[in-house]
C-alpha atoms as a PDB file:
ATOM      1  CA  MET A   1      87.560 141.638  91.055  1.00  0.00           C
ATOM      2  CA  LEU A   2      89.213 138.726  89.246  1.00  0.00           C
ATOM      3  CA  ARG A   3      91.370 141.087  87.197  1.00  0.00           C
ATOM      4  CA  THR A   4      92.739 142.827  90.301  1.00  0.00           C
ATOM      5  CA  PHE A   5      93.420 139.448  91.899  1.00  0.00           C
ATOM      6  CA  PHE A   6      95.607 138.334  88.972  1.00  0.00           C
ATOM      7  CA  GLN A   7      97.379 141.699  88.746  1.00  0.00           C
ATOM      8  CA  ASN A   8      98.219 141.802  92.440  1.00  0.00           C
ATOM      9  CA  GLU A   9     101.802 140.551  92.934  1.00  0.00           C
ATOM     10  CA  SER A  10     102.084 140.922  96.702  1.00  0.00           C
ATOM     11  CA  GLY A  11     102.335 137.153  97.322  1.00  0.00           C
ATOM     12  CA  ALA A  12     104.526 136.297  94.333  1.00  0.00           C
ATOM     13  CA  VAL A  13     107.761 136.522  96.308  1.00  0.00           C
ATOM     14  CA  THR A  14     106.377 134.175  98.956  1.00  0.00           C
ATOM     15  CA  VAL A  15     105.423 131.617  96.318  1.00  0.00           C
ATOM     16  CA  ASP A  16     108.920 131.857  94.805  1.00  0.00           C
ATOM     17  CA  TRP A  17     110.534 131.217  98.193  1.00  0.00           C
ATOM     18  CA  VAL A  18     108.246 128.273  98.917  1.00  0.00           C
ATOM     19  CA  ILE A  19     109.089 126.667  95.565  1.00  0.00           C
ATOM     20  CA  LEU A  20     112.827 127.290  96.019  1.00  0.00           C
ATOM     21  CA  THR A  21     112.797 125.911  99.560  1.00  0.00           C
ATOM     22  CA  ALA A  22     110.834 122.817  98.533  1.00  0.00           C
ATOM     23  CA  SER A  23     113.228 122.117  95.652  1.00  0.00           C
ATOM     24  CA  VAL A  24     116.267 122.437  97.953  1.00  0.00           C
ATOM     25  CA  VAL A  25     114.679 120.039 100.465  1.00  0.00           C
ATOM     26  CA  VAL A  26     113.878 117.487  97.747  1.00  0.00           C
ATOM     27  CA  MET A  27     117.376 117.675  96.236  1.00  0.00           C
ATOM     28  CA  SER A  28     118.922 117.310  99.702  1.00  0.00           C
ATOM     29  CA  ALA A  29     116.839 114.221 100.431  1.00  0.00           C
ATOM     30  CA  ILE A  30     117.806 112.623  97.117  1.00  0.00           C
ATOM     31  CA  SER A  31     121.480 113.397  97.737  1.00  0.00           C
ATOM     32  CA  PHE A  32     121.291 111.995 101.267  1.00  0.00           C
ATOM     33  CA  TYR A  33     119.913 108.644 100.105  1.00  0.00           C
ATOM     34  CA  GLN A  34     122.468 108.358  97.301  1.00  0.00           C
ATOM     35  CA  ILE A  35     125.359 109.094  99.652  1.00  0.00           C
ATOM     36  CA  ARG A  36     123.973 106.734 102.307  1.00  0.00           C
ATOM     37  CA  ASP A  37     123.710 103.800  99.890  1.00  0.00           C
ATOM     38  CA  ASN A  38     127.154 104.357  98.404  1.00  0.00           C
ATOM     39  CA  SER A  39     128.822 104.823 101.784  1.00  0.00           C
ATOM     40  CA  ALA A  40     127.289 101.585 103.071  1.00  0.00           C
ATOM     41  CA  ALA A  41     128.732  99.702 100.094  1.00  0.00           C
ATOM     42  CA  MET A  42     132.126 101.337 100.609  1.00  0.00           C
ATOM     43  CA  ASP A  43     131.988 100.452 104.317  1.00  0.00           C
ATOM     44  CA  GLU A  44     131.350  96.792 103.511  1.00  0.00           C
ATOM     45  CA  ALA A  45     134.188  96.714 100.967  1.00  0.00           C
ATOM     46  CA  ALA A  46     136.635  98.330 103.378  1.00  0.00           C
ATOM     47  CA  GLY A  47     135.636  95.955 106.174  1.00  0.00           C
ATOM     48  CA  GLY A  48     136.132  92.935 103.921  1.00  0.00           C
ATOM     49  CA  ALA A  49     139.525  94.157 102.780  1.00  0.00           C
ATOM     50  CA  MET A  50     140.631  94.768 106.359  1.00  0.00           C
ATOM     51  CA  ALA A  51     139.452  91.292 107.431  1.00  0.00           C
ATOM     52  CA  GLN A  52     141.405  89.684 104.585  1.00  0.00           C
ATOM     53  CA  GLU A  53     144.540  91.635 105.440  1.00  0.00           C
ATOM     54  CA  GLN A  54     144.214  90.771 109.117  1.00  0.00           C
ATOM     55  CA  ALA A  55     143.834  87.076 108.266  1.00  0.00           C
ATOM     56  CA  ARG A  56     146.906  87.300 106.031  1.00  0.00           C
ATOM     57  CA  LEU A  57     149.066  89.081 108.622  1.00  0.00           C
ATOM     58  CA  PHE A  58     147.898  87.160 111.677  1.00  0.00           C
ATOM     59  CA  PRO A  59     147.003  83.621 110.659  1.00  0.00           C
ATOM     60  CA  THR A  60     145.261  81.529 113.271  1.00  0.00           C
ATOM     61  CA  GLU A  61     146.149  77.944 113.908  1.00  0.00           C
ATOM     62  CA  GLU A  62     143.193  75.697 113.414  1.00  0.00           C
ATOM     63  CA  THR A  63     142.931  72.936 115.968  1.00  0.00           C
ATOM     64  CA  PRO A  64     141.796  69.558 114.699  1.00  0.00           C
ATOM     65  CA  GLU A  65     138.563  68.323 116.219  1.00  0.00           C
END
Protein backbone atom coordinates (compact mmCIF):
# COMPACT_ATOMS: atom_id res chain seq x y z
CA MET A 1 0.00 0.00 0.00
CA LEU A 2 2.84 2.40 0.81
CA ARG A 3 4.61 1.57 -2.45
CA THR A 4 1.54 2.40 -4.55
CA PHE A 5 1.09 5.64 -2.61
CA PHE A 6 4.62 6.82 -3.48
CA GLN A 7 4.33 5.70 -7.11
CA ASN A 8 1.02 7.47 -7.66
CA GLU A 9 1.69 10.85 -9.32
CA SER A 10 -1.88 12.10 -9.66
CA GLY A 11 -1.40 14.97 -7.18
CA ALA A 12 2.11 15.96 -8.23
CA VAL A 13 0.92 18.65 -10.63
CA THR A 14 -1.24 20.20 -7.92
CA VAL A 15 1.70 20.34 -5.53
CA ASP A 16 3.83 21.99 -8.23
CA TRP A 17 1.18 24.66 -8.83
CA VAL A 18 0.78 25.33 -5.11
CA ILE A 19 4.54 25.80 -4.69
CA LEU A 20 4.78 28.03 -7.77
CA THR A 21 1.82 30.15 -6.68
CA ALA A 22 3.17 30.53 -3.14
CA SER A 23 6.59 31.59 -4.44
CA VAL A 24 5.02 34.20 -6.76
CA VAL A 25 2.95 35.59 -3.87
CA VAL A 26 6.01 35.81 -1.59
CA MET A 27 8.15 37.49 -4.26
CA SER A 28 5.34 39.96 -5.00
CA ALA A 29 5.02 40.86 -1.33
CA ILE A 30 8.77 41.42 -1.00
CA SER A 31 8.79 43.57 -4.14
CA PHE A 32 5.81 45.59 -2.91
CA TYR A 33 7.49 46.49 0.39
CA GLN A 34 10.77 47.41 -1.32
CA ILE A 35 9.01 49.66 -3.82
CA ARG A 36 6.84 51.21 -1.10
CA ASP A 37 9.83 52.14 1.07
CA ASN A 38 11.84 53.55 -1.82
CA SER A 39 8.91 55.53 -3.23
CA ALA A 40 8.23 57.09 0.18
CA ALA A 41 11.85 58.27 0.38
CA MET A 42 11.68 59.63 -3.17
CA ASP A 43 8.41 61.40 -2.34
CA GLU A 44 10.00 63.11 0.66
CA ALA A 45 13.03 64.18 -1.39
CA ALA A 46 10.88 65.57 -4.19
CA GLY A 47 8.67 67.44 -1.72
CA GLY A 48 11.70 68.99 -0.03
CA ALA A 49 13.20 70.05 -3.34
CA MET A 50 9.93 71.62 -4.44
CA ALA A 51 9.59 73.50 -1.13
CA GLN A 52 13.12 74.88 -1.48
CA GLU A 53 12.49 75.98 -5.05
CA GLN A 54 9.20 77.60 -4.10
CA ALA A 55 10.90 79.50 -1.27
CA ARG A 56 13.62 80.62 -3.68
CA LEU A 57 11.19 81.78 -6.39
CA PHE A 58 8.58 83.33 -4.11
CA PRO A 59 10.28 84.72 -1.02
CA THR A 60 8.00 85.84 1.76
CA GLU A 61 8.56 89.02 3.67
CA GLU A 62 8.97 88.37 7.33
CA THR A 63 7.25 90.90 9.53
CA PRO A 64 9.09 91.94 12.67
CA GLU A 65 7.28 91.13 15.89
